[in-house]
C-alpha atoms as a PDB file:
ATOM      1  CA  UNK A   1       0.010  -0.167   0.184  1.00  0.00           C
ATOM      2  CA  UNK A   2       1.276   3.356  -1.115  1.00  0.00           C
ATOM      3  CA  UNK A   3       1.924   6.580   1.931  1.00  0.00           C
ATOM      4  CA  UNK A   4      -1.072   8.969   0.643  1.00  0.00           C
ATOM      5  CA  UNK A   5       1.504  11.415  -0.458  1.00  0.00           C
ATOM      6  CA  UNK A   6       2.269   9.280  -3.464  1.00  0.00           C
ATOM      7  CA  UNK A   7      -1.743   8.880  -4.572  1.00  0.00           C
ATOM      8  CA  UNK A   8      -2.403  12.317  -3.521  1.00  0.00           C
ATOM      9  CA  UNK A   9       0.117  13.634  -6.708  1.00  0.00           C
ATOM     10  CA  UNK A  10      -1.969  10.647  -9.255  1.00  0.00           C
ATOM     11  CA  UNK A  11       0.418   7.817  -9.055  1.00  0.00           C
ATOM     12  CA  UNK A  12      -0.760   4.188  -8.969  1.00  0.00           C
ATOM     13  CA  UNK A  13       0.741   1.290  -8.451  1.00  0.00           C
ATOM     14  CA  UNK A  14       2.324  -0.150 -11.820  1.00  0.00           C
ATOM     15  CA  UNK A  15       1.198  -3.814 -11.930  1.00  0.00           C
ATOM     16  CA  UNK A  16       2.897  -4.821 -14.683  1.00  0.00           C
ATOM     17  CA  UNK A  17       6.239  -3.828 -13.112  1.00  0.00           C
ATOM     18  CA  UNK A  18       5.407  -4.638  -9.720  1.00  0.00           C
ATOM     19  CA  UNK A  19       4.021  -7.621 -10.130  1.00  0.00           C
ATOM     20  CA  UNK A  20       5.141 -11.284 -10.458  1.00  0.00           C
ATOM     21  CA  UNK A  21       7.392 -11.343 -13.480  1.00  0.00           C
ATOM     22  CA  UNK A  22       7.992  -7.837 -13.248  1.00  0.00           C
ATOM     23  CA  UNK A  23      11.752  -6.383 -12.550  1.00  0.00           C
ATOM     24  CA  UNK A  24      11.018  -4.902  -8.978  1.00  0.00           C
ATOM     25  CA  UNK A  25      13.764  -5.024  -6.622  1.00  0.00           C
ATOM     26  CA  UNK A  26      14.142  -6.989  -3.450  1.00  0.00           C
ATOM     27  CA  UNK A  27      15.964  -6.013  -0.469  1.00  0.00           C
ATOM     28  CA  UNK A  28      17.820  -8.549   1.374  1.00  0.00           C
ATOM     29  CA  UNK A  29      19.573  -8.499   5.145  1.00  0.00           C
ATOM     30  CA  UNK A  30      21.357 -11.314   6.866  1.00  0.00           C
ATOM     31  CA  UNK A  31      23.224 -10.677  10.537  1.00  0.00           C
ATOM     32  CA  UNK A  32      26.614 -11.527  10.533  1.00  0.00           C
ATOM     33  CA  UNK A  33      27.130 -14.309  13.278  1.00  0.00           C
ATOM     34  CA  UNK A  34      27.045 -18.073  12.687  1.00  0.00           C
ATOM     35  CA  UNK A  35      28.790 -17.874   9.856  1.00  0.00           C
ATOM     36  CA  UNK A  36      29.902 -21.106   7.714  1.00  0.00           C
ATOM     37  CA  UNK A  37      33.708 -21.344   6.265  1.00  0.00           C
ATOM     38  CA  UNK A  38      33.511 -20.814   2.658  1.00  0.00           C
ATOM     39  CA  UNK A  39      34.291 -24.233   0.713  1.00  0.00           C
ATOM     40  CA  UNK A  40      35.797 -23.911  -2.787  1.00  0.00           C
ATOM     41  CA  UNK A  41      36.564 -26.495  -5.258  1.00  0.00           C
ATOM     42  CA  UNK A  42      39.925 -28.195  -5.373  1.00  0.00           C
ATOM     43  CA  UNK A  43      42.182 -25.500  -7.231  1.00  0.00           C
ATOM     44  CA  UNK A  44      40.045 -22.712  -6.605  1.00  0.00           C
ATOM     45  CA  UNK A  45      41.192 -19.386  -4.486  1.00  0.00           C
ATOM     46  CA  UNK A  46      40.035 -16.252  -3.236  1.00  0.00           C
ATOM     47  CA  UNK A  47      41.325 -12.784  -5.035  1.00  0.00           C
ATOM     48  CA  UNK A  48      41.356  -9.901  -3.357  1.00  0.00           C
ATOM     49  CA  UNK A  49      40.261  -6.944  -5.464  1.00  0.00           C
ATOM     50  CA  UNK A  50      43.897  -5.314  -4.796  1.00  0.00           C
ATOM     51  CA  UNK A  51      45.708  -8.129  -6.464  1.00  0.00           C
ATOM     52  CA  UNK A  52      44.312  -7.284  -9.822  1.00  0.00           C
ATOM     53  CA  UNK A  53      44.248  -5.001 -13.090  1.00  0.00           C
ATOM     54  CA  UNK A  54      41.175  -3.189 -13.909  1.00  0.00           C
ATOM     55  CA  UNK A  55      41.562  -5.259 -17.040  1.00  0.00           C
ATOM     56  CA  UNK A  56      41.057  -7.923 -14.996  1.00  0.00           C
ATOM     57  CA  UNK A  57      38.051  -7.065 -12.873  1.00  0.00           C
ATOM     58  CA  UNK A  58      36.192  -5.798 -15.798  1.00  0.00           C
ATOM     59  CA  UNK A  59      36.853  -9.135 -17.292  1.00  0.00           C
ATOM     60  CA  UNK A  60      35.286 -11.218 -14.377  1.00  0.00           C
ATOM     61  CA  UNK A  61      32.461  -9.181 -14.547  1.00  0.00           C
ATOM     62  CA  UNK A  62      31.187  -9.398 -18.010  1.00  0.00           C
ATOM     63  CA  UNK A  63      32.305 -12.822 -17.693  1.00  0.00           C
ATOM     64  CA  UNK A  64      29.127 -12.790 -15.168  1.00  0.00           C
ATOM     65  CA  UNK A  65      27.436 -10.761 -16.996  1.00  0.00           C
ATOM     66  CA  UNK A  66      28.366 -10.489 -21.025  1.00  0.00           C
ATOM     67  CA  UNK A  67      25.978  -7.612 -21.768  1.00  0.00           C
ATOM     68  CA  UNK A  68      27.378  -5.659 -19.341  1.00  0.00           C
ATOM     69  CA  UNK A  69      28.643  -2.026 -20.583  1.00  0.00           C
ATOM     70  CA  UNK A  70      31.480  -1.704 -18.032  1.00  0.00           C
ATOM     71  CA  UNK A  71      34.692  -0.498 -19.488  1.00  0.00           C
ATOM     72  CA  UNK A  72      38.130  -0.070 -17.473  1.00  0.00           C
ATOM     73  CA  UNK A  73      37.597   4.027 -17.484  1.00  0.00           C
ATOM     74  CA  UNK A  74      34.382   2.807 -15.512  1.00  0.00           C
ATOM     75  CA  UNK A  75      36.036   0.682 -13.197  1.00  0.00           C
ATOM     76  CA  UNK A  76      38.387   2.893 -12.593  1.00  0.00           C
ATOM     77  CA  UNK A  77      36.221   5.172 -11.484  1.00  0.00           C
ATOM     78  CA  UNK A  78      34.639   2.826  -9.261  1.00  0.00           C
ATOM     79  CA  UNK A  79      37.974   2.209  -7.638  1.00  0.00           C
ATOM     80  CA  UNK A  80      37.676   5.575  -6.764  1.00  0.00           C
ATOM     81  CA  UNK A  81      34.590   5.750  -5.167  1.00  0.00           C
ATOM     82  CA  UNK A  82      34.009   6.034  -1.790  1.00  0.00           C
ATOM     83  CA  UNK A  83      34.114   3.771   0.061  1.00  0.00           C
ATOM     84  CA  UNK A  84      35.398   1.260  -2.882  1.00  0.00           C
ATOM     85  CA  UNK A  85      38.156  -0.627  -0.651  1.00  0.00           C
ATOM     86  CA  UNK A  86      40.051  -3.132  -2.537  1.00  0.00           C
ATOM     87  CA  UNK A  87      40.129  -5.361   0.580  1.00  0.00           C
ATOM     88  CA  UNK A  88      36.567  -5.964   0.155  1.00  0.00           C
ATOM     89  CA  UNK A  89      36.695  -6.598  -3.220  1.00  0.00           C
ATOM     90  CA  UNK A  90      36.719 -10.548  -3.742  1.00  0.00           C
ATOM     91  CA  UNK A  91      36.681 -12.646  -6.536  1.00  0.00           C
ATOM     92  CA  UNK A  92      37.765 -16.439  -7.521  1.00  0.00           C
ATOM     93  CA  UNK A  93      40.082 -18.018  -9.279  1.00  0.00           C
ATOM     94  CA  UNK A  94      40.032 -20.941 -11.292  1.00  0.00           C
ATOM     95  CA  UNK A  95      43.078 -23.345 -11.112  1.00  0.00           C
ATOM     96  CA  UNK A  96      44.056 -21.508 -14.787  1.00  0.00           C
ATOM     97  CA  UNK A  97      44.001 -18.499 -12.804  1.00  0.00           C
ATOM     98  CA  UNK A  98      40.808 -17.218 -14.728  1.00  0.00           C
ATOM     99  CA  UNK A  99      38.554 -15.096 -12.511  1.00  0.00           C
ATOM    100  CA  UNK A 100      34.975 -16.756 -12.417  1.00  0.00           C
ATOM    101  CA  UNK A 101      33.425 -15.283 -10.183  1.00  0.00           C
ATOM    102  CA  UNK A 102      33.124 -11.725  -8.200  1.00  0.00           C
ATOM    103  CA  UNK A 103      31.685  -9.198  -5.714  1.00  0.00           C
ATOM    104  CA  UNK A 104      32.372  -5.606  -4.321  1.00  0.00           C
ATOM    105  CA  UNK A 105      31.409  -5.207  -0.471  1.00  0.00           C
ATOM    106  CA  UNK A 106      30.777  -2.034  -0.151  1.00  0.00           C
ATOM    107  CA  UNK A 107      31.155  -1.224   3.855  1.00  0.00           C
ATOM    108  CA  UNK A 108      29.568   1.609   5.591  1.00  0.00           C
ATOM    109  CA  UNK A 109      31.624   2.123   8.992  1.00  0.00           C
ATOM    110  CA  UNK A 110      29.198   4.265  10.915  1.00  0.00           C
ATOM    111  CA  UNK A 111      26.402   1.379  10.756  1.00  0.00           C
ATOM    112  CA  UNK A 112      28.511  -1.327  10.511  1.00  0.00           C
ATOM    113  CA  UNK A 113      26.256  -2.027   7.737  1.00  0.00           C
ATOM    114  CA  UNK A 114      27.868  -3.673   4.436  1.00  0.00           C
ATOM    115  CA  UNK A 115      26.271  -4.738   1.190  1.00  0.00           C
ATOM    116  CA  UNK A 116      27.587  -6.817  -1.668  1.00  0.00           C
ATOM    117  CA  UNK A 117      26.839  -4.837  -4.808  1.00  0.00           C
ATOM    118  CA  UNK A 118      27.169  -7.199  -7.133  1.00  0.00           C
ATOM    119  CA  UNK A 119      27.655 -10.705  -7.134  1.00  0.00           C
ATOM    120  CA  UNK A 120      28.343 -12.745 -10.423  1.00  0.00           C
ATOM    121  CA  UNK A 121      29.306 -16.246 -11.515  1.00  0.00           C
ATOM    122  CA  UNK A 122      30.959 -16.339 -14.902  1.00  0.00           C
ATOM    123  CA  UNK A 123      28.485 -18.621 -16.778  1.00  0.00           C
ATOM    124  CA  UNK A 124      30.503 -21.452 -17.640  1.00  0.00           C
ATOM    125  CA  UNK A 125      31.459 -22.028 -13.687  1.00  0.00           C
ATOM    126  CA  UNK A 126      27.674 -21.442 -12.594  1.00  0.00           C
ATOM    127  CA  UNK A 127      25.626 -24.774 -10.373  1.00  0.00           C
ATOM    128  CA  UNK A 128      29.634 -25.250  -8.347  1.00  0.00           C
ATOM    129  CA  UNK A 129      29.084 -23.531  -4.951  1.00  0.00           C
ATOM    130  CA  UNK A 130      30.802 -20.796  -6.343  1.00  0.00           C
ATOM    131  CA  UNK A 131      28.756 -18.039  -5.591  1.00  0.00           C
ATOM    132  CA  UNK A 132      27.983 -19.164  -1.788  1.00  0.00           C
ATOM    133  CA  UNK A 133      31.696 -19.533  -1.029  1.00  0.00           C
ATOM    134  CA  UNK A 134      32.149 -16.282  -2.542  1.00  0.00           C
ATOM    135  CA  UNK A 135      29.269 -15.102   0.095  1.00  0.00           C
ATOM    136  CA  UNK A 136      30.312 -16.388   3.261  1.00  0.00           C
ATOM    137  CA  UNK A 137      33.934 -15.353   2.631  1.00  0.00           C
ATOM    138  CA  UNK A 138      32.541 -11.475   1.611  1.00  0.00           C
ATOM    139  CA  UNK A 139      30.707 -11.792   5.098  1.00  0.00           C
ATOM    140  CA  UNK A 140      33.994 -12.609   6.745  1.00  0.00           C
ATOM    141  CA  UNK A 141      35.941  -9.932   5.652  1.00  0.00           C
ATOM    142  CA  UNK A 142      32.911  -7.436   6.355  1.00  0.00           C
ATOM    143  CA  UNK A 143      32.690  -9.277   9.908  1.00  0.00           C
ATOM    144  CA  UNK A 144      36.181  -8.506  10.125  1.00  0.00           C
ATOM    145  CA  UNK A 145      36.239  -5.034   8.876  1.00  0.00           C
ATOM    146  CA  UNK A 146      33.502  -4.434  11.666  1.00  0.00           C
ATOM    147  CA  UNK A 147      30.236  -5.081   9.981  1.00  0.00           C
ATOM    148  CA  UNK A 148      27.264  -6.404  11.892  1.00  0.00           C
ATOM    149  CA  UNK A 149      24.903  -6.542   8.923  1.00  0.00           C
ATOM    150  CA  UNK A 150      24.981  -7.229   5.181  1.00  0.00           C
ATOM    151  CA  UNK A 151      22.773  -6.477   2.428  1.00  0.00           C
ATOM    152  CA  UNK A 152      21.788  -7.591  -0.787  1.00  0.00           C
ATOM    153  CA  UNK A 153      19.422  -6.308  -3.314  1.00  0.00           C
ATOM    154  CA  UNK A 154      18.093  -9.209  -6.086  1.00  0.00           C
ATOM    155  CA  UNK A 155      15.342  -9.186  -8.439  1.00  0.00           C
ATOM    156  CA  UNK A 156      12.548 -10.237  -6.477  1.00  0.00           C
ATOM    157  CA  UNK A 157       9.448 -11.352  -8.701  1.00  0.00           C
ATOM    158  CA  UNK A 158       8.877 -15.055  -8.392  1.00  0.00           C
ATOM    159  CA  UNK A 159       9.280 -15.484 -12.123  1.00  0.00           C
ATOM    160  CA  UNK A 160      13.166 -14.440 -11.496  1.00  0.00           C
ATOM    161  CA  UNK A 161      13.803 -16.279  -8.186  1.00  0.00           C
ATOM    162  CA  UNK A 162      17.852 -17.133  -9.023  1.00  0.00           C
ATOM    163  CA  UNK A 163      19.764 -14.833  -7.315  1.00  0.00           C
ATOM    164  CA  UNK A 164      17.037 -14.700  -4.455  1.00  0.00           C
ATOM    165  CA  UNK A 165      17.578 -18.420  -3.836  1.00  0.00           C
ATOM    166  CA  UNK A 166      21.173 -17.890  -4.303  1.00  0.00           C
ATOM    167  CA  UNK A 167      21.269 -14.922  -1.124  1.00  0.00           C
ATOM    168  CA  UNK A 168      18.786 -17.148   0.910  1.00  0.00           C
ATOM    169  CA  UNK A 169      21.075 -20.294   0.710  1.00  0.00           C
ATOM    170  CA  UNK A 170      23.518 -18.012   2.724  1.00  0.00           C
ATOM    171  CA  UNK A 171      20.801 -16.891   5.404  1.00  0.00           C
ATOM    172  CA  UNK A 172      19.610 -13.597   4.055  1.00  0.00           C
ATOM    173  CA  UNK A 173      15.967 -12.768   4.295  1.00  0.00           C
ATOM    174  CA  UNK A 174      13.644 -10.231   2.677  1.00  0.00           C
ATOM    175  CA  UNK A 175      14.083  -7.069   3.913  1.00  0.00           C
ATOM    176  CA  UNK A 176      12.084  -5.048   1.798  1.00  0.00           C
ATOM    177  CA  UNK A 177      11.219  -3.941  -1.714  1.00  0.00           C
ATOM    178  CA  UNK A 178      10.302  -1.718  -4.396  1.00  0.00           C
ATOM    179  CA  UNK A 179       6.853  -0.744  -4.812  1.00  0.00           C
ATOM    180  CA  UNK A 180       6.870   0.502  -8.374  1.00  0.00           C
ATOM    181  CA  UNK A 181       4.702   3.458  -9.151  1.00  0.00           C
ATOM    182  CA  UNK A 182       3.169   5.608 -12.449  1.00  0.00           C
ATOM    183  CA  UNK A 183       1.689   8.520 -12.763  1.00  0.00           C
ATOM    184  CA  UNK A 184      -0.766   8.172 -15.211  1.00  0.00           C
ATOM    185  CA  UNK A 185      -0.873  10.834 -17.868  1.00  0.00           C
ATOM    186  CA  UNK A 186      -4.131  12.981 -17.756  1.00  0.00           C
ATOM    187  CA  UNK A 187      -5.822  14.275 -21.422  1.00  0.00           C
END
């Protein structure tokens, strides 16, 4: 239910965007207690964002999201953006050195809250537990940096359950969601 101020200004719930197949976003939260240890397949290892070049970071990102427009110049801007920290930018390298999973953890030291954004795995390496291991390792890093709570956003509609289920698999639960509204044109 929208706050009255929204409807007073002519906005109505967008049933298409907010429906079971819509692009609405769900925000998820998890406390950083009772964290299992991450388990990687044999030969895989964690890598810090400080250990890779912008080129490698972009390649890892685009392997997870092939249509992403991320460029090296854009990633260099990400690295200069507060509160980016290379020690909280975590990746997984395959035995041959290929970067196959990546996440950036954004840490707010005041609220002691950290957020995964984004989390992705190379399409050829999915369904091997890498996303789970990456998140668990990241949550251990966030807790060591002082965080007590972790956040993650994903598409929330039932038709788009893959990311939500990945987050649920490591203990996240729904916190809130978008309620998309549109303004109906008069006239």
